[in-house]
Amino acid sequence: MNTRKFQISLNVLISTIGLVAITVMVNYLGARHYRRLDWTSSKIYTLSAKTKAITGSITKDVTFYVLWSKADPLFSHLEEILAGYGDLSRHIHAEVLDPDQDPEQFQLIQSKYGKMKINEMGEAGIEAGVFVVSGENVKFLPSSAFQDFDDNMEMAGETPKVRFRAESELTAALIDVTNDNKQMVCFTQGHGEWQYDSSDRDSLRHIRKELTLDGFLSQTINVSEDAIPEECNLVVVAGPKKTFLQTEAELLESWFTRGGRLMLLIDPIFEKDKFLPSGLESLTANAGIELRNDFVLETEPRRLVTETPVTFMADRFYTHDAVRHLAKNAGGPSPVVFSIARSMKQLEQKDTISDILATTSPVSWGETDLASIQGGNMVPEQDDYDTDGPLTIAMAAIKGTRDGKESGRLIVVGDSDFLSEELFINAGLFNQDFWSSAVGWLTAKKELISIGAKDPEQVQLLLTESDFANILTTLLAEFLLIAVIGIIVIHRRRK
């Protein structure tokens, strides 16, 4: 009896040890040869060959800091995608930061990289998104960047379906933060433009931070010199108050014609009751954009921000690549606030393609009488000298070459006040999105990665009261059938 008990105990011990050994071996092999299966119909979690090639070539450590609500329906999709990146490279790590579970790390990332937003109640909070960090390089991806909308459904008059474009954004960010050759954004100075280093309202400090989080470098330049510095990938003229000299304008135009990227934010320039030229009118006209000497006045009540009609919201955006996501926002209008803006007109020019980006409402007009505005009238009356709405306030142009290839890119906005920090941090406005998308189109950053968006799995089970009653009846019938069969079996065994 003792011998048999010993044999049984020994068998149990050996079986247990064998089971533990098999479990360890399976886990070890699983860790060394990890495989993930994507059973979704759109293969939303399967990374493309382009992403795999790019990720496999990364030799620097990259961390995805995720500041995102877990209650968001897209969070689970994002978490799976990030796990896929981690599987491809040991240099890539992801951290989901929860202010309740890890407040110190959350506070550290928030204070170092955080993008603050002010909601309708005046409450400040961190903008949701993903910070992609490698060494000193950082790229911020807002939560809105991971969503796209189906154009075909929108054209058919249906509610656009959300499409998930996490892979495209994350892969582009990986390229940005691991590439030491960053693109340079250069701001002109010397004509009363927004100041690069200043604590005043027209300071570019917050713009410089936005550019850093978008993976750019920035500096100032003086166009009175002989040439645009070679390191400049984009030149921005932000709100000049003085006229550019002819030689300076010719320098900018020559640079644009030879393939340069240029952004002109040109407010109305005036002295007393007289409009002054910016000096850039010839440049824009040769690009198919005519700058008008007027003030845009908006009279549609829902678009007014203050009591004066010179500060207004514009939400009429066209489907140009520079503002496409603003035009397709399924959540409603995408308002951008402008103030003391001028209008512009599209011209026909050879070897140049110009497109309208944003317009005002039909009840707006371009006021040409400075005296009527400076006289204190809240809403001056429109006369025959003024331009009827809707008015164009932002345009884009592409300069071609003789061989038909694209050369320079240009965006002209009849206002620079949309850059103000108080408008950028307002969660209900899209001023920051308008700026970032314009910079992205000019520098062609979004075109480096061509990975299509995918449809997230949205499987829903909708039951009517009748369906629910039928399911309950079926379940009850099955339960009774099983019970009856059980009783019959027990009865027969007793016999």
Protein backbone atom coordinates (compact mmCIF):
# COMPACT_ATOMS: atom_id res chain seq x y z
CA MET A 1 0.00 0.00 0.00
CA ASN A 2 2.84 2.40 0.93
CA THR A 3 4.69 1.52 -2.27
CA ARG A 4 1.58 2.26 -4.37
CA LYS A 5 1.06 5.61 -2.61
CA PHE A 6 4.69 6.50 -3.27
CA GLN A 7 4.34 5.62 -6.98
CA ILE A 8 1.18 7.73 -7.30
CA SER A 9 2.85 10.68 -5.55
CA LEU A 10 5.93 10.33 -7.74
CA ASN A 11 3.79 10.25 -10.92
CA VAL A 12 1.93 13.37 -9.79
CA LEU A 13 5.22 15.14 -9.03
CA ILE A 14 6.76 14.15 -12.38
CA SER A 15 3.59 15.21 -14.24
CA THR A 16 3.57 18.56 -12.45
CA ILE A 17 7.24 19.17 -13.20
CA GLY A 18 6.65 18.18 -16.83
CA LEU A 19 3.66 20.50 -17.08
CA VAL A 20 5.65 23.40 -15.63
CA ALA A 21 8.57 22.67 -17.98
CA ILE A 22 6.26 22.58 -21.01
CA THR A 23 4.64 25.86 -19.94
CA VAL A 24 8.05 27.55 -19.55
CA MET A 25 9.22 26.24 -22.92
CA VAL A 26 6.04 27.37 -24.69
CA ASN A 27 6.34 30.87 -23.16
CA TYR A 28 10.04 31.04 -24.07
CA LEU A 29 9.40 30.01 -27.66
CA GLY A 30 6.43 32.39 -27.81
CA ALA A 31 8.60 35.28 -26.66
CA ARG A 32 11.36 34.43 -29.16
CA HIS A 33 9.02 33.71 -32.08
CA TYR A 34 6.04 36.00 -31.37
CA ARG A 35 3.19 36.01 -33.86
CA ARG A 36 0.00 38.08 -33.84
CA LEU A 37 -3.02 37.17 -35.95
CA ASP A 38 -5.30 39.86 -37.32
CA TRP A 39 -8.83 38.51 -37.81
CA THR A 40 -10.45 41.89 -38.64
CA SER A 41 -12.01 42.21 -42.08
CA SER A 42 -10.03 45.37 -42.97
CA LYS A 43 -6.76 44.06 -41.43
CA ILE A 44 -6.66 47.19 -39.29
CA TYR A 45 -3.89 45.81 -37.05
CA THR A 46 -1.68 44.47 -39.86
CA LEU A 47 1.19 46.87 -40.54
CA SER A 48 2.20 47.49 -44.15
CA ALA A 49 5.44 46.36 -45.76
CA LYS A 50 6.57 50.00 -45.90
CA THR A 51 6.14 50.39 -42.13
CA LYS A 52 7.95 47.11 -41.49
CA ALA A 53 10.89 48.21 -43.63
CA ILE A 54 11.12 51.62 -41.96
CA THR A 55 10.73 50.20 -38.45
CA GLY A 56 13.31 47.49 -39.09
CA SER A 57 15.91 50.10 -40.05
CA ILE A 58 15.53 52.16 -36.86
CA THR A 59 18.59 52.09 -34.62
CA LYS A 60 17.53 54.78 -32.11
CA ASP A 61 15.25 54.26 -29.12
CA VAL A 62 11.76 55.69 -29.65
CA THR A 63 9.01 55.99 -27.04
CA PHE A 64 5.33 56.55 -27.71
CA TYR A 65 3.84 58.45 -24.75
CA VAL A 66 0.07 58.00 -25.02
CA LEU A 67 -2.05 60.67 -23.30
CA TRP A 68 -5.47 59.41 -24.31
CA SER A 69 -8.69 58.48 -22.57
CA LYS A 70 -9.18 54.72 -22.40
CA ALA A 71 -12.92 55.34 -22.76
CA ASP A 72 -12.39 56.60 -26.32
CA PRO A 73 -13.63 53.97 -28.84
CA LEU A 74 -10.44 54.36 -30.87
CA PHE A 75 -8.10 53.79 -27.91
CA SER A 76 -8.25 49.98 -28.14
CA HIS A 77 -7.37 50.17 -31.86
CA LEU A 78 -4.44 52.49 -31.11
CA GLU A 79 -3.19 50.19 -28.34
CA GLU A 80 -3.14 47.22 -30.72
CA ILE A 81 -1.33 49.21 -33.42
CA LEU A 82 1.34 50.35 -30.95
CA ALA A 83 1.83 46.75 -29.83
CA GLY A 84 2.51 45.87 -33.46
CA TYR A 85 5.26 48.49 -33.67
CA GLY A 86 6.82 47.13 -30.49
CA ASP A 87 6.83 43.63 -31.97
CA LEU A 88 8.78 44.83 -35.01
CA SER A 89 11.62 46.54 -33.17
CA ARG A 90 13.17 46.33 -29.73
CA HIS A 91 13.97 50.07 -30.03
CA ILE A 92 10.29 51.03 -29.94
CA HIS A 93 8.36 51.27 -26.67
CA ALA A 94 4.90 52.52 -25.75
CA GLU A 95 3.73 53.98 -22.44
CA VAL A 96 0.10 54.74 -21.69
CA LEU A 97 0.15 57.55 -19.13
CA ASP A 98 -2.68 57.54 -16.61
CA PRO A 99 -2.79 60.55 -14.23
CA ASP A 100 -4.32 58.35 -11.51
CA GLN A 101 -1.99 55.33 -11.76
CA ASP A 102 1.28 57.17 -12.54
CA PRO A 103 0.81 60.87 -11.67
CA GLU A 104 4.53 61.71 -11.50
CA GLN A 105 5.35 60.43 -15.00
CA PHE A 106 2.18 62.00 -16.38
CA GLN A 107 3.08 65.37 -14.84
CA LEU A 108 6.63 65.11 -16.20
CA ILE A 109 5.51 64.52 -19.79
CA GLN A 110 2.76 67.13 -19.49
CA SER A 111 5.13 69.83 -18.25
CA LYS A 112 7.85 68.98 -20.80
CA TYR A 113 5.82 68.45 -23.96
CA GLY A 114 2.19 69.14 -23.03
CA LYS A 115 -0.14 71.09 -25.30
CA MET A 116 -2.73 72.96 -23.23
CA LYS A 117 -6.28 73.63 -24.36
CA ILE A 118 -9.04 75.80 -22.88
CA ASN A 119 -12.60 74.45 -23.16
CA GLU A 120 -15.90 76.33 -23.34
CA MET A 121 -16.04 76.55 -19.52
CA GLY A 122 -12.63 78.22 -19.37
CA GLU A 123 -11.03 75.11 -17.87
CA ALA A 124 -7.47 74.25 -18.87
CA GLY A 125 -6.50 70.72 -19.80
CA ILE A 126 -3.94 68.72 -21.75
CA GLU A 127 -4.72 67.93 -25.39
CA ALA A 128 -5.16 64.22 -26.01
CA GLY A 129 -2.70 62.56 -28.35
CA VAL A 130 0.60 60.72 -28.69
CA PHE A 131 4.08 62.18 -28.11
CA VAL A 132 6.69 60.37 -30.19
CA VAL A 133 10.09 60.98 -28.56
CA SER A 134 13.61 59.99 -29.57
CA GLY A 135 16.36 61.76 -27.64
CA GLU A 136 15.76 65.50 -28.00
CA ASN A 137 13.48 65.03 -31.00
CA VAL A 138 9.75 65.04 -30.38
CA LYS A 139 6.64 64.86 -32.54
CA PHE A 140 3.10 65.40 -31.25
CA LEU A 141 0.16 63.64 -32.88
CA PRO A 142 -3.24 64.96 -31.72
CA SER A 143 -6.09 62.50 -31.43
CA SER A 144 -7.82 64.17 -34.39
CA ALA A 145 -4.90 63.20 -36.64
CA PHE A 146 -5.81 59.52 -36.30
CA GLN A 147 -9.25 59.94 -37.86
CA ASP A 148 -10.27 60.38 -41.47
CA PHE A 149 -13.67 60.35 -43.13
CA ASP A 150 -15.02 58.52 -46.15
CA ASP A 151 -15.30 60.97 -49.08
CA ASN A 152 -17.74 58.79 -51.01
CA MET A 153 -20.29 58.73 -48.18
CA GLU A 154 -20.00 62.49 -47.78
CA MET A 155 -20.63 63.07 -51.49
CA ALA A 156 -23.69 60.81 -51.30
CA GLY A 157 -25.16 62.95 -48.52
CA GLU A 158 -24.65 60.30 -45.85
CA THR A 159 -22.89 60.73 -42.51
CA PRO A 160 -19.18 60.13 -43.21
CA LYS A 161 -17.78 56.95 -41.66
CA VAL A 162 -14.72 57.34 -39.46
CA ARG A 163 -11.58 55.73 -40.85
CA PHE A 164 -8.49 54.96 -38.79
CA ARG A 165 -5.16 56.31 -40.05
CA ALA A 166 -2.88 55.60 -37.07
CA GLU A 167 -0.26 53.71 -39.09
CA SER A 168 0.33 56.55 -41.55
CA GLU A 169 0.72 59.12 -38.75
CA LEU A 170 2.88 56.97 -36.48
CA THR A 171 5.23 55.86 -39.27
CA ALA A 172 5.68 59.44 -40.48
CA ALA A 173 6.43 60.47 -36.89
CA LEU A 174 9.03 57.69 -36.59
CA ILE A 175 10.80 59.09 -39.65
CA ASP A 176 10.70 62.61 -38.22
CA VAL A 177 12.11 61.87 -34.76
CA THR A 178 14.83 59.50 -35.98
CA ASN A 179 15.97 61.79 -38.79
CA ASP A 180 18.69 64.24 -37.78
CA ASN A 181 18.13 66.34 -40.93
CA LYS A 182 15.08 68.29 -39.78
CA GLN A 183 13.32 70.79 -41.98
CA MET A 184 13.88 74.46 -41.17
CA VAL A 185 11.10 77.10 -41.01
CA CYS A 186 12.47 80.63 -41.44
CA PHE A 187 10.60 83.77 -40.33
CA THR A 188 11.36 87.10 -41.96
CA GLN A 189 12.04 90.07 -39.68
CA GLY A 190 12.58 93.78 -40.22
CA HIS A 191 9.15 94.84 -41.55
CA GLY A 192 7.11 94.85 -38.34
CA GLU A 193 6.37 91.10 -38.53
CA TRP A 194 5.46 88.99 -35.51
CA GLN A 195 8.48 88.82 -33.21
CA TYR A 196 10.51 85.65 -32.88
CA ASP A 197 11.62 86.43 -29.30
CA SER A 198 9.10 88.55 -27.45
CA SER A 199 6.57 88.47 -24.62
CA ASP A 200 4.09 90.68 -26.47
CA ARG A 201 0.82 89.54 -28.00
CA ASP A 202 2.39 89.27 -31.46
CA SER A 203 5.04 86.83 -30.26
CA LEU A 204 5.96 83.65 -32.11
CA ARG A 205 6.98 81.74 -28.97
CA HIS A 206 3.99 79.40 -29.04
CA ILE A 207 4.37 78.99 -32.82
CA ARG A 208 7.96 77.92 -32.30
CA LYS A 209 6.81 75.32 -29.76
CA GLU A 210 4.20 74.04 -32.21
CA LEU A 211 6.89 73.66 -34.85
CA THR A 212 9.14 71.79 -32.41
CA LEU A 213 6.34 69.36 -31.57
CA ASP A 214 5.75 68.92 -35.31
CA GLY A 215 9.41 67.99 -35.84
CA PHE A 216 10.70 71.28 -37.31
CA LEU A 217 13.53 73.68 -36.53
CA SER A 218 13.01 77.45 -36.80
CA GLN A 219 15.03 80.64 -37.11
CA THR A 220 14.80 84.25 -38.32
CA ILE A 221 16.18 85.62 -41.58
CA ASN A 222 16.73 89.06 -43.12
CA VAL A 223 15.59 89.22 -46.75
CA SER A 224 17.55 92.42 -47.35
CA GLU A 225 20.59 90.18 -47.76
CA ASP A 226 21.61 88.67 -51.08
CA ALA A 227 19.96 85.24 -50.79
CA ILE A 228 17.64 83.05 -48.76
CA PRO A 229 19.76 80.74 -46.56
CA GLU A 230 20.10 77.24 -48.01
CA GLU A 231 18.89 75.60 -44.79
CA CYS A 232 15.44 77.20 -45.13
CA ASN A 233 12.78 74.73 -46.29
CA LEU A 234 9.90 77.15 -45.69
CA VAL A 235 9.89 80.95 -45.43
CA VAL A 236 7.07 82.63 -43.47
CA VAL A 237 6.19 86.32 -43.69
CA ALA A 238 3.95 86.83 -40.64
CA GLY A 239 2.02 90.09 -40.50
CA PRO A 240 4.35 92.78 -41.91
CA LYS A 241 3.43 96.38 -41.07
CA LYS A 242 5.92 97.98 -43.46
CA THR A 243 6.30 97.73 -47.23
CA PHE A 244 8.86 95.30 -48.63
CA LEU A 245 11.46 96.85 -50.92
CA GLN A 246 11.36 95.80 -54.55
CA THR A 247 14.69 93.97 -54.23
CA GLU A 248 13.38 92.06 -51.21
CA ALA A 249 10.16 91.08 -52.99
CA GLU A 250 12.15 89.97 -56.05
CA LEU A 251 14.37 87.83 -53.83
CA LEU A 252 11.33 86.06 -52.35
CA GLU A 253 9.73 85.60 -55.78
CA SER A 254 12.92 84.22 -57.29
CA TRP A 255 13.27 81.78 -54.42
CA PHE A 256 9.63 80.66 -54.82
CA THR A 257 9.98 80.29 -58.61
CA ARG A 258 13.07 78.12 -58.18
CA GLY A 259 11.15 75.67 -55.97
CA GLY A 260 10.98 77.41 -52.59
CA ARG A 261 8.06 77.07 -50.18
CA LEU A 262 6.52 80.34 -49.03
CA MET A 263 3.74 81.38 -46.62
CA LEU A 264 2.52 84.99 -46.71
CA LEU A 265 0.25 86.19 -43.89
CA ILE A 266 -0.55 89.68 -45.15
CA ASP A 267 -2.91 91.87 -43.10
CA PRO A 268 -4.23 95.15 -44.55
CA ILE A 269 -1.47 97.75 -44.18
CA PHE A 270 -2.69 101.32 -43.77
CA GLU A 271 -1.78 104.74 -42.48
CA LYS A 272 -4.57 107.05 -41.32
CA ASP A 273 -7.24 106.66 -44.04
CA LYS A 274 -4.98 105.30 -46.78
CA PHE A 275 -4.06 101.72 -47.67
CA LEU A 276 -0.35 101.03 -48.15
CA PRO A 277 1.13 98.35 -50.44
CA SER A 278 2.84 95.34 -48.89
CA GLY A 279 5.38 95.25 -51.69
CA LEU A 280 4.45 91.60 -52.37
CA GLU A 281 1.52 92.27 -54.71
CA SER A 282 3.55 91.46 -57.83
CA LEU A 283 4.76 88.18 -56.32
CA THR A 284 1.25 86.99 -55.47
CA ALA A 285 -0.21 88.21 -58.80
CA ASN A 286 2.36 86.16 -60.73
CA ALA A 287 1.22 83.18 -58.64
CA GLY A 288 -2.44 83.73 -59.55
CA ILE A 289 -3.48 85.60 -56.40
CA GLU A 290 -4.56 89.25 -56.33
CA LEU A 291 -4.40 90.99 -52.93
CA ARG A 292 -7.22 93.49 -52.43
CA ASN A 293 -6.99 96.71 -50.41
CA ASP A 294 -10.00 96.23 -48.15
CA PHE A 295 -11.21 95.11 -44.74
CA VAL A 296 -13.34 91.97 -44.53
CA LEU A 297 -16.56 92.71 -42.66
CA GLU A 298 -18.76 89.81 -41.56
CA THR A 299 -22.43 90.42 -40.73
CA GLU A 300 -23.72 86.89 -40.22
CA PRO A 301 -24.51 86.85 -36.45
CA ARG A 302 -23.37 83.28 -35.72
CA ARG A 303 -19.91 84.02 -37.15
CA LEU A 304 -19.23 87.14 -35.09
CA VAL A 305 -16.83 86.77 -32.16
CA THR A 306 -17.05 90.32 -30.82
CA GLU A 307 -19.35 93.29 -31.37
CA THR A 308 -17.28 94.45 -34.32
CA PRO A 309 -17.60 92.77 -37.75
CA VAL A 310 -13.83 92.73 -38.35
CA THR A 311 -13.33 89.75 -36.00
CA PHE A 312 -15.18 86.68 -37.23
CA MET A 313 -15.18 82.91 -37.61
CA ALA A 314 -14.69 81.29 -41.00
CA ASP A 315 -15.69 77.65 -41.50
CA ARG A 316 -16.12 77.46 -45.29
CA PHE A 317 -13.07 75.40 -46.31
CA TYR A 318 -12.46 73.73 -49.65
CA THR A 319 -11.17 70.19 -50.27
CA HIS A 320 -7.62 71.28 -51.07
CA ASP A 321 -4.98 69.08 -49.45
CA ALA A 322 -3.87 71.98 -47.23
CA VAL A 323 -7.29 72.21 -45.51
CA ARG A 324 -8.95 68.92 -46.46
CA HIS A 325 -9.53 67.69 -42.90
CA LEU A 326 -11.14 71.03 -41.95
CA ALA A 327 -13.55 70.72 -44.87
CA LYS A 328 -14.44 67.09 -43.98
CA ASN A 329 -14.92 67.44 -40.22
CA ALA A 330 -17.87 65.11 -39.48
CA GLY A 331 -18.29 66.62 -36.01
CA GLY A 332 -19.60 69.86 -37.53
CA PRO A 333 -18.05 73.15 -38.65
CA SER A 334 -14.32 73.77 -38.18
CA PRO A 335 -14.23 77.45 -37.21
CA VAL A 336 -11.04 79.47 -37.53
CA VAL A 337 -11.09 83.01 -36.12
CA PHE A 338 -9.65 85.84 -38.23
CA SER A 339 -9.42 89.53 -37.35
CA ILE A 340 -8.81 92.63 -39.50
CA ALA A 341 -8.36 90.52 -42.61
CA ARG A 342 -8.12 91.44 -46.28
CA SER A 343 -9.67 89.57 -49.18
CA MET A 344 -8.06 88.25 -52.35
CA LYS A 345 -9.03 87.18 -55.86
CA GLN A 346 -8.06 84.23 -58.03
CA LEU A 347 -6.21 85.07 -61.27
CA GLU A 348 -5.34 83.01 -64.32
CA GLN A 349 -1.58 82.62 -64.74
CA LYS A 350 0.50 80.44 -67.03
CA ASP A 351 2.49 77.64 -65.35
CA THR A 352 0.71 78.34 -62.03
CA ILE A 353 -2.23 76.61 -60.41
CA SER A 354 -4.01 78.57 -57.68
CA ASP A 355 -6.80 77.24 -55.45
CA ILE A 356 -9.14 78.76 -52.88
CA LEU A 357 -8.75 77.48 -49.32
CA ALA A 358 -11.26 79.45 -47.21
CA THR A 359 -14.06 81.98 -47.73
CA THR A 360 -16.43 84.08 -45.66
CA SER A 361 -20.24 83.98 -45.68
CA PRO A 362 -22.37 85.42 -48.54
CA VAL A 363 -23.48 88.36 -46.36
CA SER A 364 -19.93 89.62 -45.80
CA TRP A 365 -18.22 92.27 -47.90
CA GLY A 366 -14.85 93.94 -48.46
CA GLU A 367 -14.93 97.50 -47.09
CA THR A 368 -12.65 99.90 -49.01
CA ASP A 369 -13.46 103.10 -47.08
CA LEU A 370 -11.05 103.28 -44.14
CA ALA A 371 -12.68 106.46 -42.84
CA SER A 372 -16.00 104.69 -42.27
CA ILE A 373 -14.32 102.07 -40.06
CA GLN A 374 -12.11 104.49 -38.16
CA GLY A 375 -15.08 106.79 -37.60
CA GLY A 376 -16.46 104.42 -34.95
CA ASN A 377 -19.40 102.94 -36.86
CA MET A 378 -20.14 99.40 -35.64
CA VAL A 379 -21.33 98.21 -39.07
CA PRO A 380 -20.46 100.51 -41.99
CA GLU A 381 -22.85 100.46 -44.90
CA GLN A 382 -21.86 98.69 -48.09
CA ASP A 383 -21.61 100.81 -51.25
CA ASP A 384 -20.76 100.28 -54.92
CA TYR A 385 -17.00 100.48 -54.25
CA ASP A 386 -17.05 97.48 -51.90
CA THR A 387 -16.73 93.82 -52.88
CA ASP A 388 -19.67 91.45 -52.36
CA GLY A 389 -19.29 88.26 -50.34
CA PRO A 390 -18.46 85.50 -50.07
CA LEU A 391 -14.86 86.68 -49.95
CA THR A 392 -11.73 84.58 -50.35
CA ILE A 393 -9.37 85.01 -47.39
CA ALA A 394 -6.86 82.19 -47.99
CA MET A 395 -5.42 80.67 -51.18
CA ALA A 396 -2.72 78.22 -52.25
CA ALA A 397 -0.63 78.13 -55.42
CA ILE A 398 1.79 75.73 -57.10
CA LYS A 399 4.38 77.01 -59.53
CA GLY A 400 5.17 74.68 -62.41
CA THR A 401 8.24 74.27 -64.56
CA ARG A 402 8.73 73.87 -68.31
CA ASP A 403 8.98 70.10 -68.03
CA GLY A 404 5.61 69.99 -66.24
CA LYS A 405 6.99 69.14 -62.81
CA GLU A 406 6.01 70.96 -59.63
CA SER A 407 8.31 73.73 -58.45
CA GLY A 408 7.40 76.21 -55.69
CA ARG A 409 4.48 76.13 -53.27
CA LEU A 410 2.75 79.18 -51.83
CA ILE A 411 -0.02 79.87 -49.30
CA VAL A 412 -1.40 83.39 -48.87
CA VAL A 413 -3.69 84.32 -45.96
CA GLY A 414 -5.16 87.80 -45.67
CA ASP A 415 -4.61 87.85 -41.92
CA SER A 416 -1.96 87.03 -39.31
CA ASP A 417 -4.05 87.48 -36.15
CA PHE A 418 -5.25 83.89 -36.38
CA LEU A 419 -1.77 83.01 -35.01
CA SER A 420 -2.49 84.49 -31.56
CA GLU A 421 -1.88 82.14 -28.65
CA GLU A 422 -5.32 82.63 -27.09
CA LEU A 423 -6.91 81.34 -30.29
CA PHE A 424 -4.47 78.43 -30.58
CA ILE A 425 -5.27 77.03 -27.12
CA ASN A 426 -9.05 77.39 -27.52
CA ALA A 427 -10.37 73.83 -27.79
CA GLY A 428 -13.44 74.99 -29.72
CA LEU A 429 -11.43 76.59 -32.52
CA PHE A 430 -9.28 75.15 -35.31
CA ASN A 431 -6.69 77.93 -35.65
CA GLN A 432 -3.88 75.59 -34.63
CA ASP A 433 -5.09 72.92 -37.07
CA PHE A 434 -5.25 75.47 -39.89
CA TRP A 435 -1.64 76.56 -39.24
CA SER A 436 -0.28 73.02 -38.87
CA SER A 437 -2.00 71.68 -41.98
CA ALA A 438 -0.79 74.64 -44.04
CA VAL A 439 2.80 74.06 -42.90
CA GLY A 440 2.43 70.32 -43.55
CA TRP A 441 1.25 70.90 -47.13
CA LEU A 442 3.96 73.44 -47.89
CA THR A 443 6.75 71.20 -46.61
CA ALA A 444 5.14 68.11 -48.18
CA LYS A 445 5.63 66.15 -44.95
CA LYS A 446 2.36 64.26 -45.28
CA GLU A 447 3.36 63.07 -48.75
CA LEU A 448 6.38 61.15 -47.49
CA ILE A 449 4.16 58.32 -46.24
CA SER A 450 1.36 57.00 -48.44
CA ILE A 451 -0.38 54.45 -46.23
CA GLY A 452 -4.12 54.35 -46.58
CA ALA A 453 -6.62 54.69 -43.76
CA LYS A 454 -8.53 51.59 -42.61
CA ASP A 455 -12.04 51.03 -41.35
CA PRO A 456 -12.19 50.19 -37.62
CA GLU A 457 -14.33 47.20 -36.74
CA GLN A 458 -17.73 48.50 -35.69
CA VAL A 459 -19.85 45.39 -35.17
CA GLN A 460 -23.18 46.24 -33.57
CA LEU A 461 -26.05 44.01 -32.44
CA LEU A 462 -29.35 45.87 -32.52
CA LEU A 463 -32.33 44.04 -30.98
CA THR A 464 -35.96 45.05 -30.98
CA GLU A 465 -38.29 44.09 -28.13
CA SER A 466 -39.71 41.33 -30.31
CA ASP A 467 -36.21 39.95 -31.03
CA PHE A 468 -35.36 40.02 -27.33
CA ALA A 469 -38.59 38.15 -26.45
CA ASN A 470 -37.87 35.50 -29.09
CA ILE A 471 -34.34 34.93 -27.72
CA LEU A 472 -35.67 34.51 -24.17
CA THR A 473 -38.34 32.07 -25.37
CA THR A 474 -35.72 30.03 -27.26
CA LEU A 475 -33.37 29.90 -24.27
CA LEU A 476 -36.21 28.85 -21.95
CA ALA A 477 -37.32 26.10 -24.37
CA GLU A 478 -33.74 24.78 -24.58
CA PHE A 479 -33.45 24.77 -20.80
CA LEU A 480 -36.75 22.84 -20.41
CA LEU A 481 -35.69 20.36 -23.12
CA ILE A 482 -32.39 19.66 -21.35
CA ALA A 483 -34.20 19.26 -18.03
CA VAL A 484 -36.72 16.79 -19.50
CA ILE A 485 -33.95 14.72 -21.15
CA GLY A 486 -32.07 14.68 -17.84
CA ILE A 487 -35.12 13.42 -15.94
CA ILE A 488 -35.72 10.68 -18.53
CA VAL A 489 -32.09 9.51 -18.34
CA ILE A 490 -32.15 9.39 -14.53
CA HIS A 491 -35.45 7.50 -14.53
CA ARG A 492 -34.14 4.85 -16.95
CA ARG A 493 -30.92 4.31 -14.97
CA ARG A 494 -32.89 3.68 -11.76
CA LYS A 495 -34.92 0.99 -13.54
